[in-house]
Amino acid sequence: MSKILYSDKHIQIFEDKLRFKSWCLPWGKKDVKLSHVKKISEKKMGLFSGRLRISGSNNFRDWFHFDATRPAKKKAIVLETDFHVYKRLWITPEKHNIAFNVLKKLI
């Protein structure tokens, strides 16, 4: 097993993958290999750009993992992947800056 570089209530970042502890609702783990991530960016979230989305998607392009505290957060990390469905994974870690810096070094 690879080394954990970041961990919080919702996600874990390993050297080779990102693990969602709550992919859909408060259950359902999912691993995403970092080799599938092509680009990383930060996005501000507003009322109409993901801040109120607790989980899921309203299109086939973006996916938001379960995070009941997302309405209180202002920024998200967006991972652009080579997947056919849900090309952008929006993550909202508890320690945004630390997680973003770890992911920037890996991607």
C-alpha atoms as a PDB file:
ATOM      1  CA  MET A   1       0.000   0.000   0.000  1.00  0.00           C
ATOM      2  CA  SER A   2       1.259   3.462  -0.822  1.00  0.00           C
ATOM      3  CA  LYS A   3       1.911   6.173   1.724  1.00  0.00           C
ATOM      4  CA  ILE A   4      -0.917   8.524   2.808  1.00  0.00           C
ATOM      5  CA  LEU A   5       0.078  12.141   2.119  1.00  0.00           C
ATOM      6  CA  TYR A   6      -3.180  13.782   3.244  1.00  0.00           C
ATOM      7  CA  SER A   7      -6.273  12.535   5.044  1.00  0.00           C
ATOM      8  CA  ASP A   8      -9.481  14.039   6.371  1.00  0.00           C
ATOM      9  CA  LYS A   9     -13.100  13.050   6.923  1.00  0.00           C
ATOM     10  CA  HIS A  10     -13.898  12.794   3.192  1.00  0.00           C
ATOM     11  CA  ILE A  11     -10.715  12.094   1.220  1.00  0.00           C
ATOM     12  CA  GLN A  12      -7.286  10.528   1.414  1.00  0.00           C
ATOM     13  CA  ILE A  13      -4.441  11.371  -0.951  1.00  0.00           C
ATOM     14  CA  PHE A  14      -1.891   8.653  -1.579  1.00  0.00           C
ATOM     15  CA  GLU A  15       1.212   8.788  -3.778  1.00  0.00           C
ATOM     16  CA  ASP A  16      -0.689   7.151  -6.646  1.00  0.00           C
ATOM     17  CA  LYS A  17      -4.416   7.631  -5.990  1.00  0.00           C
ATOM     18  CA  LEU A  18      -7.135   9.703  -4.399  1.00  0.00           C
ATOM     19  CA  ARG A  19      -9.605   7.867  -2.173  1.00  0.00           C
ATOM     20  CA  PHE A  20     -13.076   9.256  -1.616  1.00  0.00           C
ATOM     21  CA  LYS A  21     -14.334   7.937   1.697  1.00  0.00           C
ATOM     22  CA  SER A  22     -17.843   9.141   0.855  1.00  0.00           C
ATOM     23  CA  TRP A  23     -18.239   9.112  -2.920  1.00  0.00           C
ATOM     24  CA  CYS A  24     -22.023   9.036  -2.878  1.00  0.00           C
ATOM     25  CA  LEU A  25     -23.960  10.007   0.227  1.00  0.00           C
ATOM     26  CA  PRO A  26     -22.137   9.148   3.443  1.00  0.00           C
ATOM     27  CA  TRP A  27     -21.054   5.739   2.170  1.00  0.00           C
ATOM     28  CA  GLY A  28     -19.473   4.235  -0.894  1.00  0.00           C
ATOM     29  CA  LYS A  29     -15.691   4.483  -1.160  1.00  0.00           C
ATOM     30  CA  LYS A  30     -14.048   5.081  -4.520  1.00  0.00           C
ATOM     31  CA  ASP A  31     -10.427   5.246  -5.601  1.00  0.00           C
ATOM     32  CA  VAL A  32      -9.282   7.399  -8.515  1.00  0.00           C
ATOM     33  CA  LYS A  33      -5.782   6.776  -9.850  1.00  0.00           C
ATOM     34  CA  LEU A  34      -3.846  10.002 -10.189  1.00  0.00           C
ATOM     35  CA  SER A  35      -2.681   8.876 -13.625  1.00  0.00           C
ATOM     36  CA  HIS A  36      -6.247   9.644 -14.812  1.00  0.00           C
ATOM     37  CA  VAL A  37      -6.025  13.255 -13.600  1.00  0.00           C
ATOM     38  CA  LYS A  38      -4.837  15.573 -16.357  1.00  0.00           C
ATOM     39  CA  LYS A  39      -5.196  18.991 -14.729  1.00  0.00           C
ATOM     40  CA  ILE A  40      -5.832  20.497 -11.307  1.00  0.00           C
ATOM     41  CA  SER A  41      -7.274  23.910 -10.489  1.00  0.00           C
ATOM     42  CA  GLU A  42      -9.004  25.875  -7.758  1.00  0.00           C
ATOM     43  CA  LYS A  43     -12.480  27.277  -8.282  1.00  0.00           C
ATOM     44  CA  LYS A  44     -14.562  29.655  -6.224  1.00  0.00           C
ATOM     45  CA  MET A  45     -17.969  28.232  -5.416  1.00  0.00           C
ATOM     46  CA  GLY A  46     -21.099  30.365  -5.427  1.00  0.00           C
ATOM     47  CA  LEU A  47     -24.785  29.713  -5.042  1.00  0.00           C
ATOM     48  CA  PHE A  48     -25.051  28.497  -8.640  1.00  0.00           C
ATOM     49  CA  SER A  49     -21.612  26.920  -8.995  1.00  0.00           C
ATOM     50  CA  GLY A  50     -21.576  23.979  -6.619  1.00  0.00           C
ATOM     51  CA  ARG A  51     -21.680  25.505  -3.177  1.00  0.00           C
ATOM     52  CA  LEU A  52     -25.147  24.145  -2.399  1.00  0.00           C
ATOM     53  CA  ARG A  53     -24.557  20.735  -3.995  1.00  0.00           C
ATOM     54  CA  ILE A  54     -24.080  18.239  -1.167  1.00  0.00           C
ATOM     55  CA  SER A  55     -23.384  15.271  -3.465  1.00  0.00           C
ATOM     56  CA  GLY A  56     -23.771  14.070  -7.020  1.00  0.00           C
ATOM     57  CA  SER A  57     -24.214  15.928 -10.275  1.00  0.00           C
ATOM     58  CA  ASN A  58     -26.788  17.653 -12.429  1.00  0.00           C
ATOM     59  CA  ASN A  59     -24.901  16.889 -15.653  1.00  0.00           C
ATOM     60  CA  PHE A  60     -22.542  14.229 -16.976  1.00  0.00           C
ATOM     61  CA  ARG A  61     -19.464  16.447 -16.712  1.00  0.00           C
ATOM     62  CA  ASP A  62     -19.055  17.323 -13.018  1.00  0.00           C
ATOM     63  CA  TRP A  63     -19.149  15.161  -9.893  1.00  0.00           C
ATOM     64  CA  PHE A  64     -19.262  16.337  -6.279  1.00  0.00           C
ATOM     65  CA  HIS A  65     -18.407  13.795  -3.585  1.00  0.00           C
ATOM     66  CA  PHE A  66     -20.606  13.798  -0.478  1.00  0.00           C
ATOM     67  CA  ASP A  67     -19.794  16.750   1.794  1.00  0.00           C
ATOM     68  CA  ALA A  68     -22.542  18.050   4.070  1.00  0.00           C
ATOM     69  CA  THR A  69     -20.333  21.027   5.020  1.00  0.00           C
ATOM     70  CA  ARG A  70     -19.818  22.208   1.409  1.00  0.00           C
ATOM     71  CA  PRO A  71     -22.365  25.104   1.699  1.00  0.00           C
ATOM     72  CA  ALA A  72     -20.030  26.724   4.258  1.00  0.00           C
ATOM     73  CA  LYS A  73     -16.972  26.443   1.984  1.00  0.00           C
ATOM     74  CA  LYS A  74     -15.986  29.002  -0.609  1.00  0.00           C
ATOM     75  CA  LYS A  75     -13.385  27.125  -2.701  1.00  0.00           C
ATOM     76  CA  ALA A  76     -13.082  23.718  -4.315  1.00  0.00           C
ATOM     77  CA  ILE A  77     -10.311  21.782  -6.016  1.00  0.00           C
ATOM     78  CA  VAL A  78     -11.293  20.629  -9.495  1.00  0.00           C
ATOM     79  CA  LEU A  79      -9.583  17.592 -10.975  1.00  0.00           C
ATOM     80  CA  GLU A  80      -9.971  17.247 -14.734  1.00  0.00           C
ATOM     81  CA  THR A  81      -9.767  13.597 -15.756  1.00  0.00           C
ATOM     82  CA  ASP A  82      -9.706  11.491 -18.890  1.00  0.00           C
ATOM     83  CA  PHE A  83     -12.950   9.753 -17.886  1.00  0.00           C
ATOM     84  CA  HIS A  84     -15.818   9.662 -20.418  1.00  0.00           C
ATOM     85  CA  VAL A  85     -18.418  10.558 -17.801  1.00  0.00           C
ATOM     86  CA  TYR A  86     -17.784  12.999 -14.940  1.00  0.00           C
ATOM     87  CA  LYS A  87     -14.663  14.552 -16.426  1.00  0.00           C
ATOM     88  CA  ARG A  88     -14.357  17.035 -13.556  1.00  0.00           C
ATOM     89  CA  LEU A  89     -14.252  15.885  -9.944  1.00  0.00           C
ATOM     90  CA  TRP A  90     -14.911  18.678  -7.475  1.00  0.00           C
ATOM     91  CA  ILE A  91     -13.385  18.056  -4.054  1.00  0.00           C
ATOM     92  CA  THR A  92     -13.729  20.119  -0.918  1.00  0.00           C
ATOM     93  CA  PRO A  93     -11.136  18.953   1.597  1.00  0.00           C
ATOM     94  CA  GLU A  94     -11.170  20.169   5.182  1.00  0.00           C
ATOM     95  CA  LYS A  95      -7.675  21.676   4.788  1.00  0.00           C
ATOM     96  CA  HIS A  96      -7.950  23.091   1.279  1.00  0.00           C
ATOM     97  CA  ASN A  97      -4.466  24.617   0.928  1.00  0.00           C
ATOM     98  CA  ILE A  98      -2.631  21.548   2.214  1.00  0.00           C
ATOM     99  CA  ALA A  99      -4.574  19.168  -0.042  1.00  0.00           C
ATOM    100  CA  PHE A 100      -4.160  21.458  -3.070  1.00  0.00           C
ATOM    101  CA  ASN A 101      -0.373  21.690  -2.566  1.00  0.00           C
ATOM    102  CA  VAL A 102      -0.047  17.918  -2.176  1.00  0.00           C
ATOM    103  CA  LEU A 103      -2.057  17.309  -5.357  1.00  0.00           C
ATOM    104  CA  LYS A 104      -0.090  19.949  -7.320  1.00  0.00           C
ATOM    105  CA  LYS A 105       3.132  18.102  -6.528  1.00  0.00           C
ATOM    106  CA  LEU A 106       1.671  14.770  -7.641  1.00  0.00           C
ATOM    107  CA  ILE A 107       0.016  15.870 -10.882  1.00  0.00           C
END
